[in-house]
Structure formats: structure tokens, C-alpha cells
Amino acid sequence: MDSMDVLHNYKFFINKIHKMSRCRIAIQAVSETLSEAKTDADVWLAGHSLGAVMAIATAKHVVRERGLFLETYLFNSPYPSLPIEGIIKNEQVNILQRLI
């Protein structure tokens, strides 16, 4: 893992990945591909790990800008979360955490 991966992981955790250069490049590439494609059904997104995060950010951008929902395949996408049961003392939260 290089230093840019560490930075991207951090930006993902604080929900700022869409502002990173790799993500902007992905969004631009998908936008250009959509402009050239015959239909939006011809365009799929896929990603593994940090690539899955980029695919999600790109898909969100496409929905906001074009109103299109692209078929997306994600593998081992990171799932950041704070230990909410330690922050919020509530029995319902504890029950939900046990179910998950």
C-alpha cells in the first residue's frame, strides 16, 4: 500500500473520497464513456476494496448529475463505522448490534 492509498483510505473514512484525484479521474472516465455509449445499460461499474469505494462515489455522481442508476458490482467494499454501542448507551442499539 502506498502513501496515496493511505490518504484515500482516510478520505473515505471521513466521507471526502469524492474530492480525491483518483475519484475525479474515475468520474470523468465514466462520464466520457456514458457520452459515447449507445445506452446507459452498456456501462457497468465494478471495484474491489478501495476501487469499490471509487465505484460507489462515481455511481453517486452519475445519479446526481444524470439521474442514471448504473449496474454496479462491488467486492470487499470497506465498511467504516464507529462503535456506536460504546457511544450511545441505549438498549435498542445494543439489540441491533447483536442482530447484525
C-alpha atoms as a PDB file:
ATOM      1  CA  MET A   1       0.000   0.000   0.000  1.00  0.00           C
ATOM      2  CA  ASP A   2       1.448   3.347  -0.979  1.00  0.00           C
ATOM      3  CA  SER A   3       1.013   6.676   0.783  1.00  0.00           C
ATOM      4  CA  MET A   4      -1.763   7.747  -1.609  1.00  0.00           C
ATOM      5  CA  ASP A   5      -3.742   4.617  -0.660  1.00  0.00           C
ATOM      6  CA  VAL A   6      -3.437   5.591   2.998  1.00  0.00           C
ATOM      7  CA  LEU A   7      -4.650   9.105   2.189  1.00  0.00           C
ATOM      8  CA  HIS A   8      -7.561   7.736   0.130  1.00  0.00           C
ATOM      9  CA  ASN A   9      -8.495   5.363   2.961  1.00  0.00           C
ATOM     10  CA  TYR A  10      -8.556   8.308   5.363  1.00  0.00           C
ATOM     11  CA  LYS A  11     -10.640  10.427   2.958  1.00  0.00           C
ATOM     12  CA  PHE A  12     -13.060   7.507   2.588  1.00  0.00           C
ATOM     13  CA  PHE A  13     -13.438   7.248   6.342  1.00  0.00           C
ATOM     14  CA  ILE A  14     -14.302  10.956   6.661  1.00  0.00           C
ATOM     15  CA  ASN A  15     -16.569  10.799   3.572  1.00  0.00           C
ATOM     16  CA  LYS A  16     -14.392  13.021   1.369  1.00  0.00           C
ATOM     17  CA  ILE A  17     -13.198  10.412  -1.150  1.00  0.00           C
ATOM     18  CA  HIS A  18     -15.115  12.113  -3.966  1.00  0.00           C
ATOM     19  CA  LYS A  19     -12.718  15.068  -3.732  1.00  0.00           C
ATOM     20  CA  MET A  20      -9.585  12.978  -4.386  1.00  0.00           C
ATOM     21  CA  SER A  21      -7.821  12.958  -7.760  1.00  0.00           C
ATOM     22  CA  ARG A  22      -8.306   9.229  -8.416  1.00  0.00           C
ATOM     23  CA  CYS A  23     -12.022   9.570  -7.859  1.00  0.00           C
ATOM     24  CA  ARG A  24     -12.289  12.636 -10.095  1.00  0.00           C
ATOM     25  CA  ILE A  25     -10.458  10.696 -12.830  1.00  0.00           C
ATOM     26  CA  ALA A  26     -12.905   7.788 -12.457  1.00  0.00           C
ATOM     27  CA  ILE A  27     -15.891  10.139 -12.606  1.00  0.00           C
ATOM     28  CA  GLN A  28     -14.512  11.816 -15.728  1.00  0.00           C
ATOM     29  CA  ALA A  29     -13.827   8.461 -17.413  1.00  0.00           C
ATOM     30  CA  VAL A  30     -17.331   7.186 -16.674  1.00  0.00           C
ATOM     31  CA  SER A  31     -18.896  10.452 -17.854  1.00  0.00           C
ATOM     32  CA  GLU A  32     -17.000  10.225 -21.150  1.00  0.00           C
ATOM     33  CA  THR A  33     -17.936   6.560 -21.527  1.00  0.00           C
ATOM     34  CA  LEU A  34     -21.602   7.362 -20.915  1.00  0.00           C
ATOM     35  CA  SER A  35     -21.456  10.073 -23.580  1.00  0.00           C
ATOM     36  CA  GLU A  36     -20.078   7.556 -26.089  1.00  0.00           C
ATOM     37  CA  ALA A  37     -22.261   4.565 -25.091  1.00  0.00           C
ATOM     38  CA  LYS A  38     -25.386   3.692 -27.037  1.00  0.00           C
ATOM     39  CA  THR A  39     -27.360   3.200 -23.804  1.00  0.00           C
ATOM     40  CA  ASP A  40     -26.570   3.560 -20.127  1.00  0.00           C
ATOM     41  CA  ALA A  41     -27.236  -0.196 -19.786  1.00  0.00           C
ATOM     42  CA  ASP A  42     -23.962  -0.738 -21.664  1.00  0.00           C
ATOM     43  CA  VAL A  43     -21.991   0.806 -18.779  1.00  0.00           C
ATOM     44  CA  TRP A  44     -21.282  -1.117 -15.595  1.00  0.00           C
ATOM     45  CA  LEU A  45     -19.158  -0.161 -12.621  1.00  0.00           C
ATOM     46  CA  ALA A  46     -17.025  -2.621 -10.666  1.00  0.00           C
ATOM     47  CA  GLY A  47     -14.464  -2.331  -7.921  1.00  0.00           C
ATOM     48  CA  HIS A  48     -12.627  -4.188  -5.199  1.00  0.00           C
ATOM     49  CA  SER A  49     -11.779  -2.685  -1.819  1.00  0.00           C
ATOM     50  CA  LEU A  50     -10.802   0.955  -2.373  1.00  0.00           C
ATOM     51  CA  GLY A  51     -11.902   0.531  -6.009  1.00  0.00           C
ATOM     52  CA  ALA A  52     -15.367  -0.345  -4.704  1.00  0.00           C
ATOM     53  CA  VAL A  53     -15.397   2.954  -2.831  1.00  0.00           C
ATOM     54  CA  MET A  54     -14.447   4.758  -6.055  1.00  0.00           C
ATOM     55  CA  ALA A  55     -17.237   2.931  -7.896  1.00  0.00           C
ATOM     56  CA  ILE A  56     -19.767   3.971  -5.244  1.00  0.00           C
ATOM     57  CA  ALA A  57     -18.644   7.616  -5.362  1.00  0.00           C
ATOM     58  CA  THR A  58     -18.775   7.557  -9.167  1.00  0.00           C
ATOM     59  CA  ALA A  59     -22.246   5.981  -9.159  1.00  0.00           C
ATOM     60  CA  LYS A  60     -23.492   8.629  -6.718  1.00  0.00           C
ATOM     61  CA  HIS A  61     -22.140  11.346  -9.008  1.00  0.00           C
ATOM     62  CA  VAL A  62     -23.833   9.814 -12.063  1.00  0.00           C
ATOM     63  CA  VAL A  63     -27.163   9.632 -10.211  1.00  0.00           C
ATOM     64  CA  ARG A  64     -26.900  13.274  -9.107  1.00  0.00           C
ATOM     65  CA  GLU A  65     -25.752  14.621 -12.480  1.00  0.00           C
ATOM     66  CA  ARG A  66     -27.625  12.414 -14.941  1.00  0.00           C
ATOM     67  CA  GLY A  67     -30.317  10.639 -12.962  1.00  0.00           C
ATOM     68  CA  LEU A  68     -28.955   7.279 -14.135  1.00  0.00           C
ATOM     69  CA  PHE A  69     -28.605   4.194 -11.969  1.00  0.00           C
ATOM     70  CA  LEU A  70     -25.706   2.130 -13.298  1.00  0.00           C
ATOM     71  CA  GLU A  71     -25.317  -1.573 -12.704  1.00  0.00           C
ATOM     72  CA  THR A  72     -22.554  -1.866 -10.110  1.00  0.00           C
ATOM     73  CA  TYR A  73     -20.546  -4.821  -8.792  1.00  0.00           C
ATOM     74  CA  LEU A  74     -18.598  -4.341  -5.575  1.00  0.00           C
ATOM     75  CA  PHE A  75     -16.206  -6.770  -3.940  1.00  0.00           C
ATOM     76  CA  ASN A  76     -14.908  -6.490  -0.365  1.00  0.00           C
ATOM     77  CA  SER A  77     -16.021  -2.913  -0.026  1.00  0.00           C
ATOM     78  CA  PRO A  78     -14.781  -1.352   3.218  1.00  0.00           C
ATOM     79  CA  TYR A  79     -17.429  -0.680   5.837  1.00  0.00           C
ATOM     80  CA  PRO A  80     -16.294   2.018   8.214  1.00  0.00           C
ATOM     81  CA  SER A  81     -18.272   2.545  11.341  1.00  0.00           C
ATOM     82  CA  LEU A  82     -17.697   3.823  14.793  1.00  0.00           C
ATOM     83  CA  PRO A  83     -18.537   1.536  17.719  1.00  0.00           C
ATOM     84  CA  ILE A  84     -21.897   3.190  18.218  1.00  0.00           C
ATOM     85  CA  GLU A  85     -22.853   0.908  21.103  1.00  0.00           C
ATOM     86  CA  GLY A  86     -19.974   2.461  23.065  1.00  0.00           C
ATOM     87  CA  ILE A  87     -21.051   5.998  22.210  1.00  0.00           C
ATOM     88  CA  ILE A  88     -24.813   5.721  22.675  1.00  0.00           C
ATOM     89  CA  LYS A  89     -25.961   3.893  25.781  1.00  0.00           C
ATOM     90  CA  ASN A  90     -29.302   2.530  24.617  1.00  0.00           C
ATOM     91  CA  GLU A  91     -30.722  -0.997  24.833  1.00  0.00           C
ATOM     92  CA  GLN A  92     -32.245  -0.797  21.317  1.00  0.00           C
ATOM     93  CA  VAL A  93     -28.812  -0.001  19.847  1.00  0.00           C
ATOM     94  CA  ASN A  94     -27.313  -2.935  21.718  1.00  0.00           C
ATOM     95  CA  ILE A  95     -30.038  -5.263  20.414  1.00  0.00           C
ATOM     96  CA  LEU A  96     -29.477  -4.091  16.815  1.00  0.00           C
ATOM     97  CA  GLN A  97     -25.712  -4.573  17.119  1.00  0.00           C
ATOM     98  CA  ARG A  98     -26.239  -8.170  18.287  1.00  0.00           C
ATOM     99  CA  LEU A  99     -28.535  -8.856  15.331  1.00  0.00           C
ATOM    100  CA  ILE A 100     -26.019  -7.523  12.822  1.00  0.00           C
END
